[in-house]
Amino acid sequence: MRARVRAPSGCAVDAAREAADARRRAFLKRTAGMLLLPAFGSSLLTACGGGGDFDTDADATPRLASVDNFRDVGGAPDGYPTADGRRVKRGVFYRSSVLTLSADDKATLGTLGIAAVYDLRTPGEVSRTPDVLPTGAAYATVNIDGTNDVVTSVPASAADAVAMMQTLNRNFVTSDFERAAYGALLTDLASGSGAQIFHSTAGKDRTGWAAALLLSIANVPLDVIVADYLLTNTYSTASIQARVDAIRQQSGDDAAANAMPLFSAQSSYLQAGFDQVQQSYGTMPAYLTQGLGLAQSTIDALRARLVV
């Protein structure tokens, strides 16, 4: 399997979107003071996505039949490029959906030197579907949203579902508990040794935000970060369709169409999180240090682990 991503371009934008993009470019310029993130064109983090064309890690990371959204945070076979001319290291951090490993896939993960697994799910999710751990891997839970279980209301429309997902991503920035949880996760990742996996249930949003933060610290261009986030739609096509089909069988076509945005990745979800960073903290470095409580030494340690 080989996946090749081309971020879409050429969408028309209205005056309001152009004004929002101008604010976003200013945000990125301010952010560049610490993380060297560049300013991009007006397509960045809009529904149209960013420009660019790059290979994913499909040929370089083992595909797991039992865990569809397992992939290397480093991305492309030679690592995602950074804005300052470096590359993201591969084989350091992996992102994933829940580790429902078959015996064969457990053996495959055993070849990657996994030292630790960080489970970002609620206690209810963990109890229903416990992880099957790679041999020798330590296990830790970091309950990102702080509740006992995930409770998802049935959206009245697809637009309501999109709004729910955008709010979820904003909460990564505005919630005291969620900021503390992400700060704890990144601190542990910085001080760890060996390869590490972090995951949620689908490996899309809680996991996607953690991956976006790591790639931001590595100075990966934000259009690439968004395209990486959208790869869930490629790797998890079958499981997304299965969830939608289950709702269709139980509640009909309209309910399935309304729920579909809950299961897929859309660039506006990640955009909502980054926009909230800009609104609440002004820059990504301020969010990392003031919002997540990370010491500069922790950020530096993460960057040292992330780039080559």
Protein backbone atom coordinates (compact mmCIF):
# COMPACT_ATOMS: atom_id res chain seq x y z
CA MET A 1 0.00 0.00 0.00
CA ARG A 2 1.30 3.41 -0.87
CA ALA A 3 -0.54 6.58 -0.09
CA ARG A 4 0.33 9.88 -1.63
CA VAL A 5 -1.18 13.06 -0.29
CA ARG A 6 -1.89 16.13 -2.31
CA ALA A 7 -3.35 18.89 -0.23
CA PRO A 8 -6.21 20.51 -2.15
CA SER A 9 -5.87 24.05 -3.43
CA GLY A 10 -7.66 26.55 -5.63
CA CYS A 11 -10.80 26.98 -3.48
CA ALA A 12 -12.47 30.36 -3.56
CA VAL A 13 -12.39 32.27 -0.28
CA ASP A 14 -14.59 35.15 0.75
CA ALA A 15 -13.52 38.37 2.42
CA ALA A 16 -14.15 37.05 5.91
CA ARG A 17 -11.96 34.00 5.31
CA GLU A 18 -9.20 36.17 3.83
CA ALA A 19 -9.31 38.37 6.91
CA ALA A 20 -9.08 35.27 9.13
CA ASP A 21 -6.16 34.00 7.05
CA ALA A 22 -4.37 37.32 7.45
CA ARG A 23 -4.72 37.03 11.23
CA ARG A 24 -3.46 33.45 11.03
CA ARG A 25 -0.40 34.48 9.03
CA ALA A 26 0.35 37.11 11.64
CA PHE A 27 0.01 34.42 14.32
CA LEU A 28 2.50 32.20 12.51
CA LYS A 29 4.97 35.05 12.13
CA ARG A 30 4.81 35.71 15.87
CA THR A 31 5.18 31.99 16.53
CA ALA A 32 8.35 31.91 14.43
CA GLY A 33 10.26 33.56 17.26
CA MET A 34 10.61 30.24 19.07
CA LEU A 35 9.56 27.42 16.80
CA LEU A 36 10.62 28.83 13.44
CA LEU A 37 7.18 28.17 11.96
CA PRO A 38 6.84 30.04 8.67
CA ALA A 39 3.92 32.04 7.37
CA PHE A 40 2.00 30.33 4.59
CA GLY A 41 -0.39 31.35 1.87
CA SER A 42 -4.07 32.03 2.39
CA SER A 43 -4.98 28.38 1.89
CA LEU A 44 -3.33 27.32 5.15
CA LEU A 45 -5.69 25.67 7.61
CA THR A 46 -8.80 26.55 5.67
CA ALA A 47 -11.25 23.95 4.50
CA CYS A 48 -9.26 23.87 1.27
CA GLY A 49 -6.09 22.73 3.04
CA GLY A 50 -2.56 23.79 2.18
CA GLY A 51 -0.43 23.34 -0.87
CA GLY A 52 2.11 20.63 -1.31
CA ASP A 53 2.57 17.03 -2.36
CA PHE A 54 4.43 14.43 -0.32
CA ASP A 55 4.64 10.74 0.40
CA THR A 56 3.30 9.31 3.62
CA ASP A 57 5.02 6.62 5.64
CA ALA A 58 2.91 3.84 4.10
CA ASP A 59 5.91 2.00 2.67
CA ALA A 60 8.19 2.57 5.64
CA THR A 61 6.03 1.73 8.68
CA PRO A 62 4.54 -1.75 9.03
CA ARG A 63 0.82 -1.85 8.30
CA LEU A 64 -1.17 -3.57 11.04
CA ALA A 65 -4.25 -5.50 9.99
CA SER A 66 -5.75 -5.22 13.47
CA VAL A 67 -4.92 -1.54 14.11
CA ASP A 68 -5.72 0.52 11.05
CA ASN A 69 -4.52 3.98 12.13
CA PHE A 70 -1.04 3.04 13.38
CA ARG A 71 1.65 5.24 11.84
CA ASP A 72 4.95 6.98 12.46
CA VAL A 73 4.68 10.61 13.60
CA GLY A 74 7.71 11.23 11.38
CA GLY A 75 5.53 10.66 8.33
CA ALA A 76 7.30 10.31 5.01
CA PRO A 77 9.88 7.54 4.47
CA ASP A 78 12.72 10.00 5.00
CA GLY A 79 10.82 12.07 7.59
CA TYR A 80 8.65 15.12 7.13
CA PRO A 81 10.66 18.21 6.16
CA THR A 82 10.89 21.02 8.68
CA ALA A 83 10.73 24.74 7.99
CA ASP A 84 14.41 25.13 8.94
CA GLY A 85 15.72 22.51 6.51
CA ARG A 86 15.84 19.48 8.77
CA ARG A 87 13.82 16.24 8.89
CA VAL A 88 11.61 14.60 11.50
CA LYS A 89 13.17 11.45 12.90
CA ARG A 90 11.34 8.23 12.29
CA GLY A 91 11.03 5.38 14.77
CA VAL A 92 10.74 7.67 17.80
CA PHE A 93 7.03 8.43 18.22
CA TYR A 94 4.10 6.49 16.81
CA ARG A 95 0.43 7.48 16.81
CA SER A 96 -2.37 4.96 16.70
CA SER A 97 -5.93 3.92 17.21
CA VAL A 98 -6.67 1.52 20.09
CA LEU A 99 -4.17 -1.35 20.24
CA THR A 100 -6.41 -4.31 19.43
CA LEU A 101 -3.35 -6.25 18.32
CA SER A 102 -3.57 -9.66 16.75
CA ALA A 103 -0.78 -12.10 17.54
CA ASP A 104 0.90 -11.36 14.23
CA ASP A 105 0.65 -7.59 14.69
CA LYS A 106 1.95 -7.84 18.24
CA ALA A 107 4.97 -9.67 16.87
CA THR A 108 5.41 -6.96 14.23
CA LEU A 109 5.37 -4.21 16.85
CA GLY A 110 7.93 -6.23 18.76
CA THR A 111 10.44 -5.43 16.01
CA LEU A 112 10.09 -1.66 16.54
CA GLY A 113 11.54 -1.44 20.04
CA ILE A 114 8.44 0.05 21.66
CA ALA A 115 9.35 1.13 25.18
CA ALA A 116 6.10 2.76 26.31
CA VAL A 117 2.44 3.13 25.37
CA TYR A 118 0.42 6.17 26.40
CA ASP A 119 -3.33 5.56 26.33
CA LEU A 120 -5.26 8.85 26.01
CA ARG A 121 -8.71 7.32 26.52
CA THR A 122 -11.21 7.54 29.36
CA PRO A 123 -11.47 4.75 31.95
CA GLY A 124 -14.72 3.58 30.33
CA GLU A 125 -13.09 3.22 26.94
CA VAL A 126 -10.12 1.43 28.45
CA SER A 127 -12.29 -1.06 30.34
CA ARG A 128 -14.35 -1.92 27.26
CA THR A 129 -11.33 -2.41 24.99
CA PRO A 130 -8.08 -2.91 26.90
CA ASP A 131 -4.85 -2.48 24.97
CA VAL A 132 -2.87 -5.48 23.83
CA LEU A 133 0.63 -4.24 24.58
CA PRO A 134 3.81 -4.88 22.62
CA THR A 135 6.13 -7.18 24.52
CA GLY A 136 8.24 -5.25 27.02
CA ALA A 137 6.34 -1.96 26.69
CA ALA A 138 5.42 0.07 29.76
CA TYR A 139 1.83 1.32 29.91
CA ALA A 140 0.43 4.61 31.17
CA THR A 141 -2.95 6.27 30.89
CA VAL A 142 -3.40 9.99 30.30
CA ASN A 143 -7.13 10.66 30.36
CA ILE A 144 -7.22 13.71 28.13
CA ASP A 145 -10.80 14.90 28.71
CA GLY A 146 -10.98 13.93 32.38
CA THR A 147 -14.37 12.21 32.22
CA ASN A 148 -15.12 8.62 33.13
CA ASP A 149 -16.40 7.81 29.67
CA VAL A 150 -17.04 9.36 26.29
CA VAL A 151 -20.62 10.56 25.88
CA THR A 152 -21.49 11.63 22.35
CA SER A 153 -24.88 13.17 21.69
CA VAL A 154 -26.62 12.38 18.43
CA PRO A 155 -26.19 15.37 16.08
CA ALA A 156 -29.34 16.82 14.58
CA SER A 157 -27.47 17.58 11.36
CA ALA A 158 -24.09 17.15 9.73
CA ALA A 159 -23.43 20.83 10.46
CA ASP A 160 -24.06 20.20 14.15
CA ALA A 161 -21.62 17.28 14.04
CA VAL A 162 -18.93 19.48 12.50
CA ALA A 163 -19.54 22.11 15.18
CA MET A 164 -19.22 19.45 17.88
CA MET A 165 -15.85 18.36 16.52
CA GLN A 166 -14.60 21.92 16.24
CA THR A 167 -15.59 22.54 19.86
CA LEU A 168 -13.78 19.38 20.92
CA ASN A 169 -10.57 20.69 19.35
CA ARG A 170 -11.00 24.14 20.90
CA ASN A 171 -11.37 22.47 24.28
CA PHE A 172 -7.84 21.09 23.93
CA VAL A 173 -6.76 24.72 24.32
CA THR A 174 -9.39 26.20 26.65
CA SER A 175 -9.91 23.38 29.17
CA ASP A 176 -7.68 23.54 32.24
CA PHE A 177 -7.83 19.77 32.63
CA GLU A 178 -7.01 19.01 29.01
CA ARG A 179 -4.10 21.45 28.96
CA ALA A 180 -2.69 19.79 32.08
CA ALA A 181 -3.13 16.36 30.51
CA TYR A 182 -1.33 17.34 27.30
CA GLY A 183 1.40 18.99 29.34
CA ALA A 184 1.90 15.77 31.30
CA LEU A 185 1.95 13.69 28.11
CA LEU A 186 4.53 15.87 26.37
CA THR A 187 6.69 15.99 29.50
CA ASP A 188 6.71 12.19 29.68
CA LEU A 189 7.45 11.88 25.97
CA ALA A 190 10.37 14.29 26.33
CA SER A 191 11.94 12.35 29.18
CA GLY A 192 11.35 8.88 27.78
CA SER A 193 13.75 6.65 25.94
CA GLY A 194 13.09 4.21 23.17
CA ALA A 195 10.15 4.34 20.78
CA GLN A 196 6.82 5.45 22.23
CA ILE A 197 3.20 5.07 21.11
CA PHE A 198 0.35 7.39 22.06
CA HIS A 199 -3.20 6.63 21.04
CA SER A 200 -6.90 7.15 21.61
CA THR A 201 -9.83 5.11 20.31
CA ALA A 202 -9.83 6.13 16.64
CA GLY A 203 -6.43 7.84 16.75
CA LYS A 204 -7.95 10.98 15.24
CA ASP A 205 -8.60 13.92 17.57
CA ARG A 206 -7.00 13.44 21.00
CA THR A 207 -4.16 11.66 19.24
CA GLY A 208 -4.24 14.09 16.33
CA TRP A 209 -3.77 17.11 18.58
CA ALA A 210 -0.81 15.47 20.34
CA ALA A 211 0.78 14.69 16.97
CA ALA A 212 0.12 18.23 15.74
CA LEU A 213 1.89 19.64 18.80
CA LEU A 214 4.90 17.39 18.30
CA LEU A 215 5.15 18.28 14.62
CA SER A 216 4.79 21.97 15.50
CA ILE A 217 7.67 21.67 17.96
CA ALA A 218 9.67 20.00 15.19
CA ASN A 219 8.92 23.02 12.94
CA VAL A 220 6.99 21.02 10.37
CA PRO A 221 5.02 23.38 8.10
CA LEU A 222 1.42 23.62 9.17
CA ASP A 223 0.01 22.62 5.82
CA VAL A 224 1.88 19.33 6.18
CA ILE A 225 0.57 18.96 9.75
CA VAL A 226 -2.99 19.33 8.47
CA ALA A 227 -2.44 16.86 5.64
CA ASP A 228 -0.98 14.40 8.15
CA TYR A 229 -4.07 14.81 10.33
CA LEU A 230 -6.31 14.06 7.34
CA LEU A 231 -4.53 10.74 6.71
CA THR A 232 -6.93 9.15 9.18
CA ASN A 233 -9.46 9.25 6.34
CA THR A 234 -7.08 7.13 4.25
CA TYR A 235 -5.93 4.60 6.84
CA SER A 236 -9.28 4.22 8.62
CA THR A 237 -11.58 4.17 5.61
CA ALA A 238 -12.98 0.74 6.41
CA SER A 239 -13.57 1.37 10.12
CA ILE A 240 -15.15 4.76 9.46
CA GLN A 241 -17.51 3.19 6.94
CA ALA A 242 -18.34 0.39 9.36
CA ARG A 243 -19.36 2.85 12.07
CA VAL A 244 -21.50 4.82 9.64
CA ASP A 245 -23.10 1.63 8.32
CA ALA A 246 -23.95 0.53 11.85
CA ILE A 247 -25.80 3.78 12.44
CA ARG A 248 -27.54 3.47 9.09
CA GLN A 249 -28.80 0.01 9.94
CA GLN A 250 -30.01 1.10 13.34
CA SER A 251 -31.38 4.59 12.63
CA GLY A 252 -31.53 5.16 8.87
CA ASP A 253 -29.74 7.11 6.16
CA ASP A 254 -30.32 10.58 7.61
CA ALA A 255 -28.84 9.65 10.98
CA ALA A 256 -25.82 8.08 9.27
CA ALA A 257 -25.23 11.19 7.17
CA ASN A 258 -25.55 13.42 10.24
CA ALA A 259 -23.04 11.32 12.21
CA MET A 260 -20.45 10.93 9.47
CA PRO A 261 -18.48 14.09 10.43
CA LEU A 262 -17.93 12.65 13.92
CA PHE A 263 -15.91 9.77 12.51
CA SER A 264 -13.92 11.42 9.72
CA ALA A 265 -11.15 14.01 9.90
CA GLN A 266 -11.76 17.47 8.49
CA SER A 267 -9.21 20.26 8.32
CA SER A 268 -11.63 22.65 10.04
CA TYR A 269 -11.38 20.56 13.21
CA LEU A 270 -7.63 21.04 13.55
CA GLN A 271 -8.01 24.62 12.35
CA ALA A 272 -10.37 25.29 15.26
CA GLY A 273 -7.68 24.18 17.70
CA PHE A 274 -4.96 26.29 16.13
CA ASP A 275 -7.31 29.27 15.88
CA GLN A 276 -8.05 28.91 19.59
CA VAL A 277 -4.32 28.88 20.33
CA GLN A 278 -4.05 32.16 18.47
CA GLN A 279 -7.06 33.64 20.24
CA SER A 280 -6.11 32.53 23.74
CA TYR A 281 -2.30 32.71 23.69
CA GLY A 282 -1.24 34.60 20.58
CA THR A 283 1.53 32.15 19.69
CA MET A 284 2.17 28.43 19.83
CA PRO A 285 5.20 28.90 22.13
CA ALA A 286 2.99 30.78 24.61
CA TYR A 287 0.45 27.96 24.53
CA LEU A 288 3.17 25.39 25.12
CA THR A 289 4.79 27.26 28.02
CA GLN A 290 1.89 29.17 29.59
CA GLY A 291 -1.00 26.92 28.59
CA LEU A 292 0.58 23.48 28.96
CA GLY A 293 3.11 24.53 31.57
CA LEU A 294 6.08 23.12 29.65
CA ALA A 295 9.57 24.25 30.58
CA GLN A 296 11.69 25.45 27.69
CA SER A 297 14.07 22.60 28.49
CA THR A 298 11.21 20.13 27.89
CA ILE A 299 10.42 21.71 24.51
CA ASP A 300 14.10 21.60 23.62
CA ALA A 301 14.31 17.94 24.65
CA LEU A 302 11.28 17.09 22.48
CA ARG A 303 12.78 18.90 19.53
CA ALA A 304 16.07 17.06 20.02
CA ARG A 305 14.20 13.74 19.96
CA LEU A 306 12.11 14.79 16.98
CA VAL A 307 14.52 16.18 14.41
CA VAL A 308 17.68 15.14 12.68
